Amino acid sequence: MSATCIENEIDRIDILYGLGVRCMGICYNEANMLGSGLAERRDGGLTDFGYDCVKRMNKLGMLIDVSHAGDLTSLETIEAI
């Protein structure tokens, strides 16, 4: 599941966790509010909002998938963990 559905509402991570979601991708090939995907021409990395989301997912114990994120976005996600 990509984090695109949380849009700009970090509390949606808690809602999804409560519904049983335990793994979420930063993005799926295209950029969203959290970071850049593999299909983007330029990898802008993890956004400030994305950093906050990674912290929230870590707090909940959620697995973070970076398989479809850009290289820089993936590296910055790993550093934020």
N, C-alpha and C. Protein backbone atom coordinates (compact mmCIF):
# COMPACT_ATOMS: atom_id res chain seq x y z
N MET A 1 0.85 -1.17 0.00
CA MET A 1 0.00 0.00 0.00
C MET A 1 0.89 1.24 0.00
N SER A 2 0.60 2.16 -0.87
CA SER A 2 1.34 3.42 -0.93
C SER A 2 0.74 4.43 0.05
N ALA A 3 1.57 5.33 0.53
CA ALA A 3 1.13 6.34 1.49
C ALA A 3 0.37 7.49 0.83
N THR A 4 0.15 7.43 -0.46
CA THR A 4 -0.56 8.50 -1.17
C THR A 4 -1.92 8.78 -0.54
N CYS A 5 -2.58 7.75 -0.04
CA CYS A 5 -3.94 7.92 0.51
C CYS A 5 -3.98 8.76 1.78
N ILE A 6 -2.85 8.97 2.44
CA ILE A 6 -2.89 9.81 3.64
C ILE A 6 -2.86 11.29 3.28
N GLU A 7 -2.57 11.59 2.01
CA GLU A 7 -2.50 12.97 1.51
C GLU A 7 -1.61 13.81 2.41
N ASN A 8 -2.18 14.78 3.11
CA ASN A 8 -1.38 15.63 3.99
C ASN A 8 -1.85 15.53 5.45
N GLU A 9 -2.45 14.39 5.80
CA GLU A 9 -2.99 14.17 7.14
C GLU A 9 -2.24 13.04 7.83
N ILE A 10 -1.28 13.38 8.66
CA ILE A 10 -0.46 12.36 9.32
C ILE A 10 -1.28 11.43 10.20
N ASP A 11 -2.38 11.92 10.75
CA ASP A 11 -3.21 11.09 11.62
C ASP A 11 -3.88 9.94 10.88
N ARG A 12 -3.93 10.00 9.56
CA ARG A 12 -4.49 8.89 8.79
C ARG A 12 -3.63 7.64 8.90
N ILE A 13 -2.36 7.82 9.23
CA ILE A 13 -1.50 6.66 9.46
C ILE A 13 -2.03 5.86 10.65
N ASP A 14 -2.42 6.56 11.71
CA ASP A 14 -2.98 5.89 12.89
C ASP A 14 -4.28 5.18 12.55
N ILE A 15 -5.10 5.81 11.73
CA ILE A 15 -6.37 5.20 11.33
C ILE A 15 -6.12 3.92 10.54
N LEU A 16 -5.21 4.00 9.56
CA LEU A 16 -4.89 2.82 8.77
C LEU A 16 -4.30 1.72 9.63
N TYR A 17 -3.45 2.08 10.58
CA TYR A 17 -2.88 1.10 11.49
C TYR A 17 -4.00 0.43 12.29
N GLY A 18 -4.95 1.23 12.76
CA GLY A 18 -6.09 0.69 13.49
C GLY A 18 -6.94 -0.25 12.66
N LEU A 19 -6.93 -0.05 11.34
CA LEU A 19 -7.68 -0.92 10.42
C LEU A 19 -6.88 -2.15 10.02
N GLY A 20 -5.65 -2.26 10.52
CA GLY A 20 -4.86 -3.46 10.27
C GLY A 20 -3.71 -3.31 9.29
N VAL A 21 -3.49 -2.11 8.75
CA VAL A 21 -2.37 -1.91 7.82
C VAL A 21 -1.07 -1.93 8.62
N ARG A 22 -0.14 -2.80 8.23
CA ARG A 22 1.13 -2.92 8.94
C ARG A 22 2.33 -2.62 8.06
N CYS A 23 2.10 -2.39 6.77
CA CYS A 23 3.18 -2.09 5.83
C CYS A 23 2.69 -1.01 4.87
N MET A 24 3.50 0.04 4.69
CA MET A 24 3.11 1.11 3.80
C MET A 24 4.34 1.62 3.04
N GLY A 25 4.17 1.82 1.75
CA GLY A 25 5.24 2.36 0.93
C GLY A 25 5.24 3.88 0.98
N ILE A 26 6.40 4.47 0.88
CA ILE A 26 6.51 5.92 0.86
C ILE A 26 5.77 6.47 -0.36
N CYS A 27 5.96 5.85 -1.51
CA CYS A 27 5.27 6.25 -2.73
C CYS A 27 5.28 5.05 -3.68
N TYR A 28 4.53 5.16 -4.77
CA TYR A 28 4.51 4.09 -5.76
C TYR A 28 4.81 4.69 -7.13
N ASN A 29 6.06 4.73 -7.47
CA ASN A 29 6.58 5.20 -8.76
C ASN A 29 6.46 6.70 -9.00
N GLU A 30 5.42 7.33 -8.55
CA GLU A 30 5.24 8.78 -8.75
C GLU A 30 5.35 9.50 -7.41
N ALA A 31 5.74 10.75 -7.47
CA ALA A 31 5.89 11.55 -6.25
C ALA A 31 4.54 11.78 -5.58
N ASN A 32 4.60 11.90 -4.26
CA ASN A 32 3.43 12.30 -3.48
C ASN A 32 3.90 13.25 -2.39
N MET A 33 3.11 13.46 -1.38
CA MET A 33 3.45 14.41 -0.31
C MET A 33 4.64 13.95 0.54
N LEU A 34 5.01 12.66 0.44
CA LEU A 34 6.09 12.13 1.27
C LEU A 34 7.44 12.13 0.57
N GLY A 35 7.45 11.85 -0.72
CA GLY A 35 8.72 11.76 -1.43
C GLY A 35 8.55 11.46 -2.91
N SER A 36 9.66 11.19 -3.56
CA SER A 36 9.68 10.96 -5.01
C SER A 36 9.74 9.47 -5.33
N GLY A 37 9.09 9.12 -6.43
CA GLY A 37 9.06 7.73 -6.87
C GLY A 37 10.07 7.45 -7.97
N LEU A 38 10.18 6.18 -8.35
CA LEU A 38 11.13 5.75 -9.37
C LEU A 38 10.87 6.36 -10.74
N ALA A 39 9.63 6.67 -11.04
CA ALA A 39 9.27 7.16 -12.37
C ALA A 39 9.53 8.66 -12.56
N GLU A 40 9.92 9.33 -11.51
CA GLU A 40 10.16 10.77 -11.60
C GLU A 40 11.49 11.06 -12.28
N ARG A 41 11.52 12.10 -13.05
CA ARG A 41 12.76 12.51 -13.71
C ARG A 41 13.81 12.96 -12.70
N ARG A 42 13.37 13.64 -11.66
CA ARG A 42 14.27 14.14 -10.62
C ARG A 42 13.80 13.63 -9.27
N ASP A 43 14.70 13.06 -8.51
CA ASP A 43 14.38 12.54 -7.18
C ASP A 43 14.60 13.65 -6.16
N GLY A 44 13.51 14.18 -5.62
CA GLY A 44 13.59 15.28 -4.66
C GLY A 44 13.84 14.82 -3.24
N GLY A 45 13.88 13.51 -3.01
CA GLY A 45 14.12 13.00 -1.67
C GLY A 45 12.88 13.00 -0.80
N LEU A 46 13.08 12.69 0.45
CA LEU A 46 12.00 12.65 1.43
C LEU A 46 11.62 14.08 1.81
N THR A 47 10.35 14.38 1.80
CA THR A 47 9.90 15.72 2.17
C THR A 47 9.89 15.85 3.70
N ASP A 48 9.71 17.07 4.19
CA ASP A 48 9.59 17.27 5.63
C ASP A 48 8.39 16.51 6.18
N PHE A 49 7.29 16.55 5.43
CA PHE A 49 6.09 15.80 5.84
C PHE A 49 6.40 14.30 5.81
N GLY A 50 7.13 13.86 4.81
CA GLY A 50 7.52 12.46 4.72
C GLY A 50 8.35 12.03 5.92
N TYR A 51 9.26 12.89 6.34
CA TYR A 51 10.08 12.61 7.52
C TYR A 51 9.18 12.43 8.75
N ASP A 52 8.21 13.31 8.92
CA ASP A 52 7.28 13.20 10.05
C ASP A 52 6.48 11.89 9.98
N CYS A 53 6.09 11.51 8.76
CA CYS A 53 5.34 10.26 8.58
C CYS A 53 6.19 9.05 8.91
N VAL A 54 7.45 9.06 8.50
CA VAL A 54 8.37 7.96 8.83
C VAL A 54 8.49 7.83 10.34
N LYS A 55 8.62 8.93 11.03
CA LYS A 55 8.70 8.90 12.49
C LYS A 55 7.44 8.29 13.10
N ARG A 56 6.27 8.68 12.56
CA ARG A 56 5.00 8.14 13.08
C ARG A 56 4.90 6.64 12.79
N MET A 57 5.27 6.21 11.58
CA MET A 57 5.22 4.79 11.24
C MET A 57 6.16 3.99 12.14
N ASN A 58 7.33 4.54 12.43
CA ASN A 58 8.27 3.86 13.33
C ASN A 58 7.68 3.74 14.74
N LYS A 59 7.05 4.78 15.19
CA LYS A 59 6.44 4.78 16.53
C LYS A 59 5.39 3.67 16.65
N LEU A 60 4.64 3.48 15.56
CA LEU A 60 3.60 2.46 15.55
C LEU A 60 4.14 1.06 15.29
N GLY A 61 5.36 0.97 14.80
CA GLY A 61 5.92 -0.34 14.45
C GLY A 61 5.53 -0.81 13.06
N MET A 62 5.21 0.13 12.19
CA MET A 62 4.79 -0.20 10.83
C MET A 62 6.02 -0.40 9.94
N LEU A 63 5.97 -1.38 9.08
CA LEU A 63 7.03 -1.64 8.12
C LEU A 63 6.96 -0.59 7.01
N ILE A 64 8.10 -0.01 6.64
CA ILE A 64 8.14 1.03 5.61
C ILE A 64 8.77 0.46 4.35
N ASP A 65 8.02 0.49 3.25
CA ASP A 65 8.46 -0.06 1.98
C ASP A 65 9.00 1.07 1.10
N VAL A 66 10.25 0.92 0.65
CA VAL A 66 10.86 1.92 -0.23
C VAL A 66 11.14 1.35 -1.62
N SER A 67 10.54 0.22 -1.95
CA SER A 67 10.86 -0.47 -3.20
C SER A 67 10.49 0.31 -4.45
N HIS A 68 9.54 1.21 -4.40
CA HIS A 68 9.14 1.99 -5.57
C HIS A 68 9.49 3.47 -5.43
N ALA A 69 10.27 3.78 -4.41
CA ALA A 69 10.72 5.16 -4.20
C ALA A 69 12.02 5.40 -4.94
N GLY A 70 12.32 6.66 -5.22
CA GLY A 70 13.58 7.02 -5.85
C GLY A 70 14.75 6.72 -4.92
N ASP A 71 15.95 6.69 -5.48
CA ASP A 71 17.14 6.36 -4.69
C ASP A 71 17.35 7.30 -3.51
N LEU A 72 17.29 8.61 -3.77
CA LEU A 72 17.49 9.58 -2.69
C LEU A 72 16.39 9.49 -1.65
N THR A 73 15.16 9.33 -2.10
CA THR A 73 14.04 9.19 -1.18
C THR A 73 14.24 7.95 -0.31
N SER A 74 14.67 6.86 -0.90
CA SER A 74 14.91 5.63 -0.15
C SER A 74 16.02 5.82 0.89
N LEU A 75 17.12 6.41 0.48
CA LEU A 75 18.24 6.62 1.40
C LEU A 75 17.86 7.54 2.55
N GLU A 76 17.12 8.60 2.25
CA GLU A 76 16.72 9.53 3.31
C GLU A 76 15.70 8.88 4.25
N THR A 77 14.88 7.98 3.73
CA THR A 77 13.94 7.24 4.58
C THR A 77 14.70 6.33 5.53
N ILE A 78 15.69 5.63 4.99
CA ILE A 78 16.50 4.74 5.81
C ILE A 78 17.24 5.52 6.89
N GLU A 79 17.77 6.68 6.55
CA GLU A 79 18.47 7.51 7.54
C GLU A 79 17.52 8.00 8.63
N ALA A 80 16.26 8.22 8.28
CA ALA A 80 15.28 8.74 9.24
C ALA A 80 14.80 7.68 10.22
N ILE A 81 15.02 6.42 9.89
CA ILE A 81 14.53 5.33 10.74
C ILE A 81 15.33 5.23 12.01
